[in-house]
Every structure is written in C-alpha cells, then in structure tokens.
Amino acid sequence: MRISHFAVFVIVLTGLFVFPLPASAAPNPTELRKLTKQASQLNELYRGQIQSLEEIRIQAKRATDNSSDLDAKLAAAKSEVTAIAQTTYMAGALDGTQIFSSGASPYMMLGQAANMTYLANERISKVRSIQSLIDKSKEAKLAANGKINKLKKEIKTLQSKRRDIERLLAKYGFQQPGGSEGLTPRMIAVRAEIMQNFPMPYGVGCLRRGDPGEHGKGRACDFMMSSGGRAASGADGDRGDALAEWLIRNGPRIGVMYIIWKQRYYDIRSGGGWDPMSDRGGVTANHYDHVHVSVF
C-alpha cells in the first residue's frame, strides 16, 4: 500500500513539475503602465479624472496584482513539495517488520514512522494546494488580461470622442481657481445654488491642497450627508438621492462634470448614466456619506 501511494505521488509530482499544464499568458505590467500613462494624458485632455477610465484602471491593477500574488504562492508551494519529496526520499520507506526486527529502540522507530506519516500527509496536502493554485492562477491571468483589454478599448473609445469633448469643454470654457477659498467661480456658483436648494447640516468640504484630483484644482466639493464617517440613511440618504438627481437634471446648465454617490459615478463626458465603482475600502471612500460634485 505504501509503494502504491508513493507511486501515485511521484506521478502527480512529475505532472506538476516536469510536464506543467498549459498556462495562460501572464498579464503584462509594462502594458498596464503604458495604458495608465495614456489614461493620465486623457484625463488632462478631458480636463479632469475620467471616472470610467479610472474605474477600469483600478480593476486592471487589482487583477494584475492578484495574478502576481498567486504566481508567487504557487512557486513557494512547489518549492515546499520538492523539499518534502527530497526529505521522504532520503529517509526511505519504512515497513512494519523494521520496527520490531531492527536493533534500534522501538520508540525511536515508531517516532520515525510517525514522521514519515506526517511527511506523506503533508506532501499530499501540498500537491492538492498546488493544483488549486494552478486553477486560481489561470483564472486570475484570464481576469487580469480581460481587464487590461477592457482598459485598452475604453481608451480607444474616449480618444475617438476627442472632438465632441473639445466642443463640450469649449462650451463651458476654462476657469482658474482664485480668492481665499481657492475655488473656481463656477464651483462657487454651483455650491451656492446647491445650498439654496438643499440644507447641509453636516457641512461641505471643497479645496484640498495637494490633492491630484479636482479637489486640489478648486473644481470639486463634497456635500456631506452624515457625520462621523457613517453611511447616510433615512432622511439623510433621501436628501443625497435628491441632490444627485437634481445635479443630473441641472448639470448641463450649471456645468457639472461628474457626480459620485453611493459607490456609483455619473460622468457627463463619457455619456452619462450611473455606473458602479469598485470597493475603495470604506464608507467615505465609497461615497456613502457624501455626494461628490466636480465641475468643468
């Protein structure tokens, strides 16, 4: 029985290391960096972060990192199995007659037998984990490559809309921030009109110096719908919903570029309509406690 188990192990191990299963192509980090640079250039052209592009870029980065992590775990698991196999080979097989016929202490021989059993169980467990990691690695590579291709298509789509976007930007013109608040005249006007129509018991946050996005350029404000980083609910949540809908209806008139609310974004430049966002890690990061507004 021991020989049979060992033979099966050798066959499985040979299949894993000598004749590896066909692997999907690994996602190319260089290509992702190139696409990220193109996305940054489009953000400059579109005069602000394009939410659809940023969302796909984040998904592609996460998928690529996940694929790399799985490959590292797979390499480590293969190394462990190799070490276990070498240890077992050097220790040799042990049968029942050796325990009682050998001149060594029976307790020592039983301890060796226990170690051999542990190694056998350990290597079987590791081989199974390797097969699972191989499957997950293939899926991760397919997912990462799919996200990279999606990012590539989105960049081409947005590049093809360049003339439409230029006309849209020309309609609203370009404003520089100024004054003590460091906001553009348009952002000041939009904030004032919002606060005339909606009570803001939890405050409004606008300029964040050093921020690479619209907050740092004086073209964005966060209208808080709750306090203490908790998700808005009840009347507060309803007020956030009402504000978001008001901004969609009045956006073309007042110069709204995009809105983010409840882990969704509505970007005028990429065609409008609500689109989901990936989990950014918390209530505030996912915009469950405030409505973000960016203007042209």
C-alpha atoms as a PDB file:
ATOM      1  CA  MET A   1       0.000   0.000   0.000  1.00  0.00           C
ATOM      2  CA  ARG A   2       2.883   2.377   0.867  1.00  0.00           C
ATOM      3  CA  ILE A   3       4.515   1.747  -2.534  1.00  0.00           C
ATOM      4  CA  SER A   4       1.202   2.434  -4.277  1.00  0.00           C
ATOM      5  CA  HIS A   5       0.737   5.776  -2.510  1.00  0.00           C
ATOM      6  CA  PHE A   6       4.320   6.788  -3.214  1.00  0.00           C
ATOM      7  CA  ALA A   7       3.940   5.855  -6.895  1.00  0.00           C
ATOM      8  CA  VAL A   8       0.803   7.977  -7.186  1.00  0.00           C
ATOM      9  CA  PHE A   9       2.617  10.870  -5.528  1.00  0.00           C
ATOM     10  CA  VAL A  10       5.558  10.590  -7.954  1.00  0.00           C
ATOM     11  CA  ILE A  11       3.186  10.573 -10.945  1.00  0.00           C
ATOM     12  CA  VAL A  12       1.345  13.671  -9.680  1.00  0.00           C
ATOM     13  CA  LEU A  13       4.586  15.425  -8.826  1.00  0.00           C
ATOM     14  CA  THR A  14       6.042  14.617 -12.252  1.00  0.00           C
ATOM     15  CA  GLY A  15       2.954  16.055 -13.885  1.00  0.00           C
ATOM     16  CA  LEU A  16       3.295  19.249 -11.920  1.00  0.00           C
ATOM     17  CA  PHE A  17       6.991  19.884 -12.395  1.00  0.00           C
ATOM     18  CA  VAL A  18       8.157  18.013 -15.487  1.00  0.00           C
ATOM     19  CA  PHE A  19       5.069  18.363 -17.663  1.00  0.00           C
ATOM     20  CA  PRO A  20       3.316  21.533 -16.388  1.00  0.00           C
ATOM     21  CA  LEU A  21      -0.205  22.215 -17.559  1.00  0.00           C
ATOM     22  CA  PRO A  22      -0.531  24.850 -20.327  1.00  0.00           C
ATOM     23  CA  ALA A  23      -0.649  28.230 -18.620  1.00  0.00           C
ATOM     24  CA  SER A  24      -2.477  31.355 -19.665  1.00  0.00           C
ATOM     25  CA  ALA A  25      -0.272  34.269 -20.675  1.00  0.00           C
ATOM     26  CA  ALA A  26       0.712  36.372 -17.678  1.00  0.00           C
ATOM     27  CA  PRO A  27      -0.631  39.946 -17.674  1.00  0.00           C
ATOM     28  CA  ASN A  28       1.965  42.411 -18.865  1.00  0.00           C
ATOM     29  CA  PRO A  29       2.782  45.060 -16.208  1.00  0.00           C
ATOM     30  CA  THR A  30       4.620  47.122 -18.832  1.00  0.00           C
ATOM     31  CA  GLU A  31       1.480  47.307 -20.964  1.00  0.00           C
ATOM     32  CA  LEU A  32      -0.568  48.311 -17.926  1.00  0.00           C
ATOM     33  CA  ARG A  33       1.895  51.111 -17.131  1.00  0.00           C
ATOM     34  CA  LYS A  34       1.700  52.287 -20.751  1.00  0.00           C
ATOM     35  CA  LEU A  35      -2.117  52.300 -20.632  1.00  0.00           C
ATOM     36  CA  THR A  36      -2.053  54.109 -17.285  1.00  0.00           C
ATOM     37  CA  LYS A  37       0.096  56.825 -18.880  1.00  0.00           C
ATOM     38  CA  GLN A  38      -2.359  57.116 -21.785  1.00  0.00           C
ATOM     39  CA  ALA A  39      -5.212  57.339 -19.284  1.00  0.00           C
ATOM     40  CA  SER A  40      -3.400  60.162 -17.483  1.00  0.00           C
ATOM     41  CA  GLN A  41      -2.989  62.010 -20.788  1.00  0.00           C
ATOM     42  CA  LEU A  42      -6.711  61.602 -21.493  1.00  0.00           C
ATOM     43  CA  ASN A  43      -7.525  62.967 -18.028  1.00  0.00           C
ATOM     44  CA  GLU A  44      -5.504  66.055 -18.922  1.00  0.00           C
ATOM     45  CA  LEU A  45      -7.276  66.344 -22.267  1.00  0.00           C
ATOM     46  CA  TYR A  46     -10.713  65.842 -20.704  1.00  0.00           C
ATOM     47  CA  ARG A  47      -9.807  68.407 -18.020  1.00  0.00           C
ATOM     48  CA  GLY A  48     -10.283  66.092 -15.064  1.00  0.00           C
ATOM     49  CA  GLN A  49     -10.280  62.470 -13.982  1.00  0.00           C
ATOM     50  CA  ILE A  50     -12.477  60.336 -16.248  1.00  0.00           C
ATOM     51  CA  GLN A  51     -14.382  58.086 -13.890  1.00  0.00           C
ATOM     52  CA  SER A  52     -14.988  55.193 -16.305  1.00  0.00           C
ATOM     53  CA  LEU A  53     -11.285  55.130 -17.161  1.00  0.00           C
ATOM     54  CA  GLU A  54     -10.176  55.338 -13.531  1.00  0.00           C
ATOM     55  CA  GLU A  55     -12.561  52.558 -12.549  1.00  0.00           C
ATOM     56  CA  ILE A  56     -11.257  50.137 -15.191  1.00  0.00           C
ATOM     57  CA  ARG A  57      -7.647  51.096 -14.392  1.00  0.00           C
ATOM     58  CA  ILE A  58      -8.174  50.222 -10.724  1.00  0.00           C
ATOM     59  CA  GLN A  59      -9.787  46.903 -11.661  1.00  0.00           C
ATOM     60  CA  ALA A  60      -6.901  46.054 -14.020  1.00  0.00           C
ATOM     61  CA  LYS A  61      -4.294  46.954 -11.367  1.00  0.00           C
ATOM     62  CA  ARG A  62      -6.004  44.810  -8.729  1.00  0.00           C
ATOM     63  CA  ALA A  63      -6.407  41.876 -11.103  1.00  0.00           C
ATOM     64  CA  THR A  64      -2.757  42.075 -12.189  1.00  0.00           C
ATOM     65  CA  ASP A  65      -1.555  42.262  -8.570  1.00  0.00           C
ATOM     66  CA  ASN A  66      -3.751  39.277  -7.682  1.00  0.00           C
ATOM     67  CA  SER A  67      -2.270  37.262 -10.552  1.00  0.00           C
ATOM     68  CA  SER A  68       1.271  38.089  -9.409  1.00  0.00           C
ATOM     69  CA  ASP A  69       0.480  37.155  -5.806  1.00  0.00           C
ATOM     70  CA  LEU A  70      -0.945  33.786  -6.868  1.00  0.00           C
ATOM     71  CA  ASP A  71       2.133  33.060  -9.010  1.00  0.00           C
ATOM     72  CA  ALA A  72       4.368  33.773  -6.001  1.00  0.00           C
ATOM     73  CA  LYS A  73       2.279  31.467  -3.794  1.00  0.00           C
ATOM     74  CA  LEU A  74       2.407  28.759  -6.470  1.00  0.00           C
ATOM     75  CA  ALA A  75       6.201  28.954  -6.707  1.00  0.00           C
ATOM     76  CA  ALA A  76       6.511  28.763  -2.909  1.00  0.00           C
ATOM     77  CA  ALA A  77       4.166  25.743  -2.722  1.00  0.00           C
ATOM     78  CA  LYS A  78       6.111  23.905  -5.441  1.00  0.00           C
ATOM     79  CA  SER A  79       9.345  24.557  -3.549  1.00  0.00           C
ATOM     80  CA  GLU A  80       7.830  23.153  -0.349  1.00  0.00           C
ATOM     81  CA  VAL A  81       6.642  19.983  -2.102  1.00  0.00           C
ATOM     82  CA  THR A  82      10.083  19.475  -3.607  1.00  0.00           C
ATOM     83  CA  ALA A  83      11.672  19.776  -0.144  1.00  0.00           C
ATOM     84  CA  ILE A  84       9.179  17.292   1.343  1.00  0.00           C
ATOM     85  CA  ALA A  85       9.781  14.836  -1.506  1.00  0.00           C
ATOM     86  CA  GLN A  86      13.554  15.058  -1.003  1.00  0.00           C
ATOM     87  CA  THR A  87      13.205  14.523   2.761  1.00  0.00           C
ATOM     88  CA  THR A  88      10.986  11.494   2.224  1.00  0.00           C
ATOM     89  CA  TYR A  89      13.343  10.038  -0.370  1.00  0.00           C
ATOM     90  CA  MET A  90      16.392  10.410   1.889  1.00  0.00           C
ATOM     91  CA  ALA A  91      14.573   8.912   4.881  1.00  0.00           C
ATOM     92  CA  GLY A  92      13.498   5.938   2.799  1.00  0.00           C
ATOM     93  CA  ALA A  93      10.449   3.744   3.153  1.00  0.00           C
ATOM     94  CA  LEU A  94       9.648   2.090   6.470  1.00  0.00           C
ATOM     95  CA  ASP A  95       7.578  -1.075   6.915  1.00  0.00           C
ATOM     96  CA  GLY A  96       6.234  -2.888   9.985  1.00  0.00           C
ATOM     97  CA  THR A  97       8.973  -5.566  10.139  1.00  0.00           C
ATOM     98  CA  GLN A  98      11.661  -2.905  10.551  1.00  0.00           C
ATOM     99  CA  ILE A  99      10.085  -1.593  13.729  1.00  0.00           C
ATOM    100  CA  PHE A 100      10.379  -4.950  15.534  1.00  0.00           C
ATOM    101  CA  SER A 101      13.425  -6.565  13.872  1.00  0.00           C
ATOM    102  CA  SER A 102      15.755  -3.568  13.981  1.00  0.00           C
ATOM    103  CA  GLY A 103      18.184  -3.245  16.823  1.00  0.00           C
ATOM    104  CA  ALA A 104      17.121   0.365  17.333  1.00  0.00           C
ATOM    105  CA  SER A 105      14.730   1.374  20.090  1.00  0.00           C
ATOM    106  CA  PRO A 106      11.103   0.608  19.131  1.00  0.00           C
ATOM    107  CA  TYR A 107      10.152   4.071  20.436  1.00  0.00           C
ATOM    108  CA  MET A 108      12.665   5.677  18.064  1.00  0.00           C
ATOM    109  CA  MET A 109      11.398   3.597  15.157  1.00  0.00           C
ATOM    110  CA  LEU A 110       7.786   4.456  15.971  1.00  0.00           C
ATOM    111  CA  GLY A 111       8.766   8.126  16.078  1.00  0.00           C
ATOM    112  CA  GLN A 112      10.356   7.778  12.658  1.00  0.00           C
ATOM    113  CA  ALA A 113       7.222   6.079  11.363  1.00  0.00           C
ATOM    114  CA  ALA A 114       5.115   8.940  12.715  1.00  0.00           C
ATOM    115  CA  ASN A 115       7.384  11.454  10.983  1.00  0.00           C
ATOM    116  CA  MET A 116       7.083   9.522   7.716  1.00  0.00           C
ATOM    117  CA  THR A 117       3.293   9.521   8.013  1.00  0.00           C
ATOM    118  CA  TYR A 118       3.314  13.256   8.696  1.00  0.00           C
ATOM    119  CA  LEU A 119       5.520  13.909   5.653  1.00  0.00           C
ATOM    120  CA  ALA A 120       3.299  11.756   3.458  1.00  0.00           C
ATOM    121  CA  ASN A 121       0.163  13.589   4.585  1.00  0.00           C
ATOM    122  CA  GLU A 122       1.915  16.930   4.261  1.00  0.00           C
ATOM    123  CA  ARG A 123       3.035  16.289   0.685  1.00  0.00           C
ATOM    124  CA  ILE A 124      -0.441  15.109  -0.347  1.00  0.00           C
ATOM    125  CA  SER A 125      -1.918  18.291   1.139  1.00  0.00           C
ATOM    126  CA  LYS A 126       0.655  20.443  -0.652  1.00  0.00           C
ATOM    127  CA  VAL A 127       0.067  18.742  -4.001  1.00  0.00           C
ATOM    128  CA  ARG A 128      -3.644  19.384  -3.664  1.00  0.00           C
ATOM    129  CA  SER A 129      -2.991  23.015  -2.784  1.00  0.00           C
ATOM    130  CA  ILE A 130      -0.748  23.349  -5.845  1.00  0.00           C
ATOM    131  CA  GLN A 131      -3.493  22.065  -8.116  1.00  0.00           C
ATOM    132  CA  SER A 132      -5.890  24.580  -6.560  1.00  0.00           C
ATOM    133  CA  LEU A 133      -3.347  27.384  -7.008  1.00  0.00           C
ATOM    134  CA  ILE A 134      -2.794  26.391 -10.648  1.00  0.00           C
ATOM    135  CA  ASP A 135      -6.531  26.683 -11.295  1.00  0.00           C
ATOM    136  CA  LYS A 136      -6.763  30.021  -9.458  1.00  0.00           C
ATOM    137  CA  SER A 137      -3.667  31.322 -11.252  1.00  0.00           C
ATOM    138  CA  LYS A 138      -5.196  30.535 -14.658  1.00  0.00           C
ATOM    139  CA  GLU A 139      -8.422  32.298 -13.688  1.00  0.00           C
ATOM    140  CA  ALA A 140      -6.505  35.306 -12.338  1.00  0.00           C
ATOM    141  CA  LYS A 141      -4.446  35.643 -15.533  1.00  0.00           C
ATOM    142  CA  LEU A 142      -7.588  35.499 -17.678  1.00  0.00           C
ATOM    143  CA  ALA A 143      -9.280  38.087 -15.459  1.00  0.00           C
ATOM    144  CA  ALA A 144      -6.256  40.425 -15.496  1.00  0.00           C
ATOM    145  CA  ASN A 145      -5.837  40.201 -19.260  1.00  0.00           C
ATOM    146  CA  GLY A 146      -9.565  40.807 -19.667  1.00  0.00           C
ATOM    147  CA  LYS A 147      -9.365  43.982 -17.570  1.00  0.00           C
ATOM    148  CA  ILE A 148      -6.297  45.211 -19.476  1.00  0.00           C
ATOM    149  CA  ASN A 149      -8.096  44.647 -22.794  1.00  0.00           C
ATOM    150  CA  LYS A 150     -11.138  46.460 -21.429  1.00  0.00           C
ATOM    151  CA  LEU A 151      -8.946  49.406 -20.431  1.00  0.00           C
ATOM    152  CA  LYS A 152      -7.402  49.432 -23.902  1.00  0.00           C
ATOM    153  CA  LYS A 153     -10.864  49.542 -25.533  1.00  0.00           C
ATOM    154  CA  GLU A 154     -12.078  52.293 -23.212  1.00  0.00           C
ATOM    155  CA  ILE A 155      -9.042  54.423 -24.038  1.00  0.00           C
ATOM    156  CA  LYS A 156      -9.692  53.993 -27.777  1.00  0.00           C
ATOM    157  CA  THR A 157     -13.362  54.876 -27.300  1.00  0.00           C
ATOM    158  CA  LEU A 158     -12.548  58.029 -25.378  1.00  0.00           C
ATOM    159  CA  GLN A 159      -9.845  59.005 -27.871  1.00  0.00           C
ATOM    160  CA  SER A 160     -12.425  58.714 -30.650  1.00  0.00           C
ATOM    161  CA  LYS A 161     -14.681  61.190 -28.798  1.00  0.00           C
ATOM    162  CA  ARG A 162     -11.974  63.846 -28.656  1.00  0.00           C
ATOM    163  CA  ARG A 163     -13.754  66.363 -30.918  1.00  0.00           C
ATOM    164  CA  ASP A 164     -17.033  66.020 -29.017  1.00  0.00           C
ATOM    165  CA  ILE A 165     -15.229  66.554 -25.730  1.00  0.00           C
ATOM    166  CA  GLU A 166     -13.356  69.577 -27.083  1.00  0.00           C
ATOM    167  CA  ARG A 167     -16.701  71.126 -28.088  1.00  0.00           C
ATOM    168  CA  LEU A 168     -18.109  70.358 -24.646  1.00  0.00           C
ATOM    169  CA  LEU A 169     -15.117  71.918 -22.903  1.00  0.00           C
ATOM    170  CA  ALA A 170     -15.282  74.954 -25.190  1.00  0.00           C
ATOM    171  CA  LYS A 171     -18.932  75.423 -24.204  1.00  0.00           C
ATOM    172  CA  TYR A 172     -18.001  75.854 -20.540  1.00  0.00           C
ATOM    173  CA  GLY A 173     -14.629  77.497 -21.034  1.00  0.00           C
ATOM    174  CA  PHE A 174     -11.679  77.173 -18.681  1.00  0.00           C
ATOM    175  CA  GLN A 175     -11.601  78.751 -15.238  1.00  0.00           C
ATOM    176  CA  GLN A 176      -8.728  79.155 -12.827  1.00  0.00           C
ATOM    177  CA  PRO A 177      -9.246  78.965  -9.061  1.00  0.00           C
ATOM    178  CA  GLY A 178      -8.822  82.155  -7.117  1.00  0.00           C
ATOM    179  CA  GLY A 179      -9.756  84.068  -3.979  1.00  0.00           C
ATOM    180  CA  SER A 180      -9.219  82.992  -0.413  1.00  0.00           C
ATOM    181  CA  GLU A 181     -11.121  79.722  -0.916  1.00  0.00           C
ATOM    182  CA  GLY A 182      -9.050  78.606  -3.914  1.00  0.00           C
ATOM    183  CA  LEU A 183     -12.169  77.608  -5.893  1.00  0.00           C
ATOM    184  CA  THR A 184     -13.151  78.417  -9.467  1.00  0.00           C
ATOM    185  CA  PRO A 185     -16.044  80.870  -9.980  1.00  0.00           C
ATOM    186  CA  ARG A 186     -18.124  78.005 -11.395  1.00  0.00           C
ATOM    187  CA  MET A 187     -17.585  75.806  -8.341  1.00  0.00           C
ATOM    188  CA  ILE A 188     -18.527  78.699  -6.057  1.00  0.00           C
ATOM    189  CA  ALA A 189     -21.701  79.330  -8.080  1.00  0.00           C
ATOM    190  CA  VAL A 190     -22.660  75.625  -8.137  1.00  0.00           C
ATOM    191  CA  ARG A 191     -22.085  75.293  -4.395  1.00  0.00           C
ATOM    192  CA  ALA A 192     -24.231  78.376  -3.715  1.00  0.00           C
ATOM    193  CA  GLU A 193     -27.109  77.107  -5.861  1.00  0.00           C
ATOM    194  CA  ILE A 194     -26.995  73.670  -4.240  1.00  0.00           C
ATOM    195  CA  MET A 195     -27.085  75.180  -0.753  1.00  0.00           C
ATOM    196  CA  GLN A 196     -30.039  77.367  -1.727  1.00  0.00           C
ATOM    197  CA  ASN A 197     -31.997  74.238  -2.644  1.00  0.00           C
ATOM    198  CA  PHE A 198     -30.730  71.708  -0.100  1.00  0.00           C
ATOM    199  CA  PRO A 199     -30.000  72.067   3.626  1.00  0.00           C
ATOM    200  CA  MET A 200     -26.461  70.967   4.555  1.00  0.00           C
ATOM    201  CA  PRO A 201     -26.491  70.173   8.289  1.00  0.00           C
ATOM    202  CA  TYR A 202     -23.241  68.185   8.056  1.00  0.00           C
ATOM    203  CA  GLY A 203     -21.203  70.725   6.105  1.00  0.00           C
ATOM    204  CA  VAL A 204     -19.420  70.969   2.753  1.00  0.00           C
ATOM    205  CA  GLY A 205     -15.750  70.274   2.002  1.00  0.00           C
ATOM    206  CA  CYS A 206     -14.112  71.671  -1.129  1.00  0.00           C
ATOM    207  CA  LEU A 207     -10.443  72.604  -1.563  1.00  0.00           C
ATOM    208  CA  ARG A 208      -7.824  70.031  -0.535  1.00  0.00           C
ATOM    209  CA  ARG A 209      -4.410  71.462  -1.285  1.00  0.00           C
ATOM    210  CA  GLY A 210      -2.048  68.916  -2.815  1.00  0.00           C
ATOM    211  CA  ASP A 211      -4.860  66.638  -3.943  1.00  0.00           C
ATOM    212  CA  PRO A 212      -4.106  65.425  -7.519  1.00  0.00           C
ATOM    213  CA  GLY A 213      -7.785  65.421  -8.473  1.00  0.00           C
ATOM    214  CA  GLU A 214     -10.407  68.136  -8.813  1.00  0.00           C
ATOM    215  CA  HIS A 215     -10.368  68.934  -5.082  1.00  0.00           C
ATOM    216  CA  GLY A 216      -6.804  70.178  -5.476  1.00  0.00           C
ATOM    217  CA  LYS A 217      -7.751  72.267  -8.517  1.00  0.00           C
ATOM    218  CA  GLY A 218     -10.655  74.020  -6.821  1.00  0.00           C
ATOM    219  CA  ARG A 219     -13.212  72.311  -9.051  1.00  0.00           C
ATOM    220  CA  ALA A 220     -14.862  69.865  -6.632  1.00  0.00           C
ATOM    221  CA  CYS A 221     -16.877  69.844  -3.413  1.00  0.00           C
ATOM    222  CA  ASP A 222     -18.150  67.085  -1.116  1.00  0.00           C
ATOM    223  CA  PHE A 223     -21.648  67.659   0.229  1.00  0.00           C
ATOM    224  CA  MET A 224     -21.848  65.678   3.463  1.00  0.00           C
ATOM    225  CA  MET A 225     -24.978  63.615   4.102  1.00  0.00           C
ATOM    226  CA  SER A 226     -23.923  62.244   7.506  1.00  0.00           C
ATOM    227  CA  SER A 227     -21.335  62.723  10.215  1.00  0.00           C
ATOM    228  CA  GLY A 228     -18.596  60.576  11.669  1.00  0.00           C
ATOM    229  CA  GLY A 229     -17.972  58.504   8.557  1.00  0.00           C
ATOM    230  CA  ARG A 230     -21.257  56.592   8.776  1.00  0.00           C
ATOM    231  CA  ALA A 231     -23.406  55.764   5.750  1.00  0.00           C
ATOM    232  CA  ALA A 232     -26.268  58.184   5.193  1.00  0.00           C
ATOM    233  CA  SER A 233     -29.667  56.637   5.891  1.00  0.00           C
ATOM    234  CA  GLY A 234     -33.282  57.677   6.308  1.00  0.00           C
ATOM    235  CA  ALA A 235     -33.897  61.342   5.566  1.00  0.00           C
ATOM    236  CA  ASP A 236     -30.153  61.942   5.089  1.00  0.00           C
ATOM    237  CA  GLY A 237     -29.939  59.234   2.421  1.00  0.00           C
ATOM    238  CA  ASP A 238     -33.067  60.604   0.725  1.00  0.00           C
ATOM    239  CA  ARG A 239     -31.530  64.080   0.651  1.00  0.00           C
ATOM    240  CA  GLY A 240     -28.408  62.662  -1.003  1.00  0.00           C
ATOM    241  CA  ASP A 241     -30.524  60.872  -3.613  1.00  0.00           C
ATOM    242  CA  ALA A 242     -32.495  64.047  -4.288  1.00  0.00           C
ATOM    243  CA  LEU A 243     -29.320  66.121  -4.637  1.00  0.00           C
ATOM    244  CA  ALA A 244     -27.799  63.619  -7.077  1.00  0.00           C
ATOM    245  CA  GLU A 245     -30.933  63.657  -9.248  1.00  0.00           C
ATOM    246  CA  TRP A 246     -31.067  67.466  -9.120  1.00  0.00           C
ATOM    247  CA  LEU A 247     -27.444  67.639 -10.271  1.00  0.00           C
ATOM    248  CA  ILE A 248     -28.158  65.310 -13.202  1.00  0.00           C
ATOM    249  CA  ARG A 249     -31.119  67.442 -14.320  1.00  0.00           C
ATOM    250  CA  ASN A 250     -29.355  70.767 -13.859  1.00  0.00           C
ATOM    251  CA  GLY A 251     -25.805  69.678 -14.656  1.00  0.00           C
ATOM    252  CA  PRO A 252     -25.791  70.840 -18.290  1.00  0.00           C
ATOM    253  CA  ARG A 253     -26.973  74.283 -17.202  1.00  0.00           C
ATOM    254  CA  ILE A 254     -24.564  74.841 -14.309  1.00  0.00           C
ATOM    255  CA  GLY A 255     -21.512  72.983 -15.672  1.00  0.00           C
ATOM    256  CA  VAL A 256     -21.362  69.748 -13.642  1.00  0.00           C
ATOM    257  CA  MET A 257     -18.698  67.378 -14.997  1.00  0.00           C
ATOM    258  CA  TYR A 258     -19.352  64.291 -12.853  1.00  0.00           C
ATOM    259  CA  ILE A 259     -21.073  63.132  -9.673  1.00  0.00           C
ATOM    260  CA  ILE A 260     -20.155  60.317  -7.272  1.00  0.00           C
ATOM    261  CA  TRP A 261     -22.679  58.954  -4.749  1.00  0.00           C
ATOM    262  CA  LYS A 262     -23.222  55.547  -3.120  1.00  0.00           C
ATOM    263  CA  GLN A 263     -20.313  53.790  -4.888  1.00  0.00           C
ATOM    264  CA  ARG A 264     -21.587  54.942  -8.309  1.00  0.00           C
ATOM    265  CA  TYR A 265     -20.496  57.664 -10.680  1.00  0.00           C
ATOM    266  CA  TYR A 266     -22.312  59.728 -13.307  1.00  0.00           C
ATOM    267  CA  ASP A 267     -19.839  61.249 -15.784  1.00  0.00           C
ATOM    268  CA  ILE A 268     -21.205  63.694 -18.356  1.00  0.00           C
ATOM    269  CA  ARG A 269     -18.134  63.345 -20.628  1.00  0.00           C
ATOM    270  CA  SER A 270     -18.394  59.583 -21.089  1.00  0.00           C
ATOM    271  CA  GLY A 271     -22.079  59.574 -21.922  1.00  0.00           C
ATOM    272  CA  GLY A 272     -23.770  59.914 -18.563  1.00  0.00           C
ATOM    273  CA  GLY A 273     -25.777  57.261 -16.761  1.00  0.00           C
ATOM    274  CA  TRP A 274     -24.926  55.696 -13.406  1.00  0.00           C
ATOM    275  CA  ASP A 275     -22.069  53.187 -13.387  1.00  0.00           C
ATOM    276  CA  PRO A 276     -20.832  51.136 -10.407  1.00  0.00           C
ATOM    277  CA  MET A 277     -17.485  51.715  -8.718  1.00  0.00           C
ATOM    278  CA  SER A 278     -15.209  49.105  -7.189  1.00  0.00           C
ATOM    279  CA  ASP A 279     -14.956  48.945  -3.432  1.00  0.00           C
ATOM    280  CA  ARG A 280     -12.471  51.634  -2.378  1.00  0.00           C
ATOM    281  CA  GLY A 281     -12.236  50.384   1.196  1.00  0.00           C
ATOM    282  CA  GLY A 282     -14.676  52.322   3.376  1.00  0.00           C
ATOM    283  CA  VAL A 283     -17.857  54.349   3.773  1.00  0.00           C
ATOM    284  CA  THR A 284     -16.242  57.679   2.871  1.00  0.00           C
ATOM    285  CA  ALA A 285     -14.024  56.297   0.088  1.00  0.00           C
ATOM    286  CA  ASN A 286     -17.098  54.645  -1.428  1.00  0.00           C
ATOM    287  CA  HIS A 287     -19.082  57.908  -1.125  1.00  0.00           C
ATOM    288  CA  TYR A 288     -21.873  56.598   1.089  1.00  0.00           C
ATOM    289  CA  ASP A 289     -21.659  59.613   3.396  1.00  0.00           C
ATOM    290  CA  HIS A 290     -21.324  62.419   0.837  1.00  0.00           C
ATOM    291  CA  VAL A 291     -22.175  63.479  -2.704  1.00  0.00           C
ATOM    292  CA  HIS A 292     -19.073  64.440  -4.676  1.00  0.00           C
ATOM    293  CA  VAL A 293     -19.505  67.081  -7.382  1.00  0.00           C
ATOM    294  CA  SER A 294     -16.858  68.086  -9.925  1.00  0.00           C
ATOM    295  CA  VAL A 295     -17.394  70.927 -12.388  1.00  0.00           C
ATOM    296  CA  PHE A 296     -15.849  71.841 -15.742  1.00  0.00           C
END
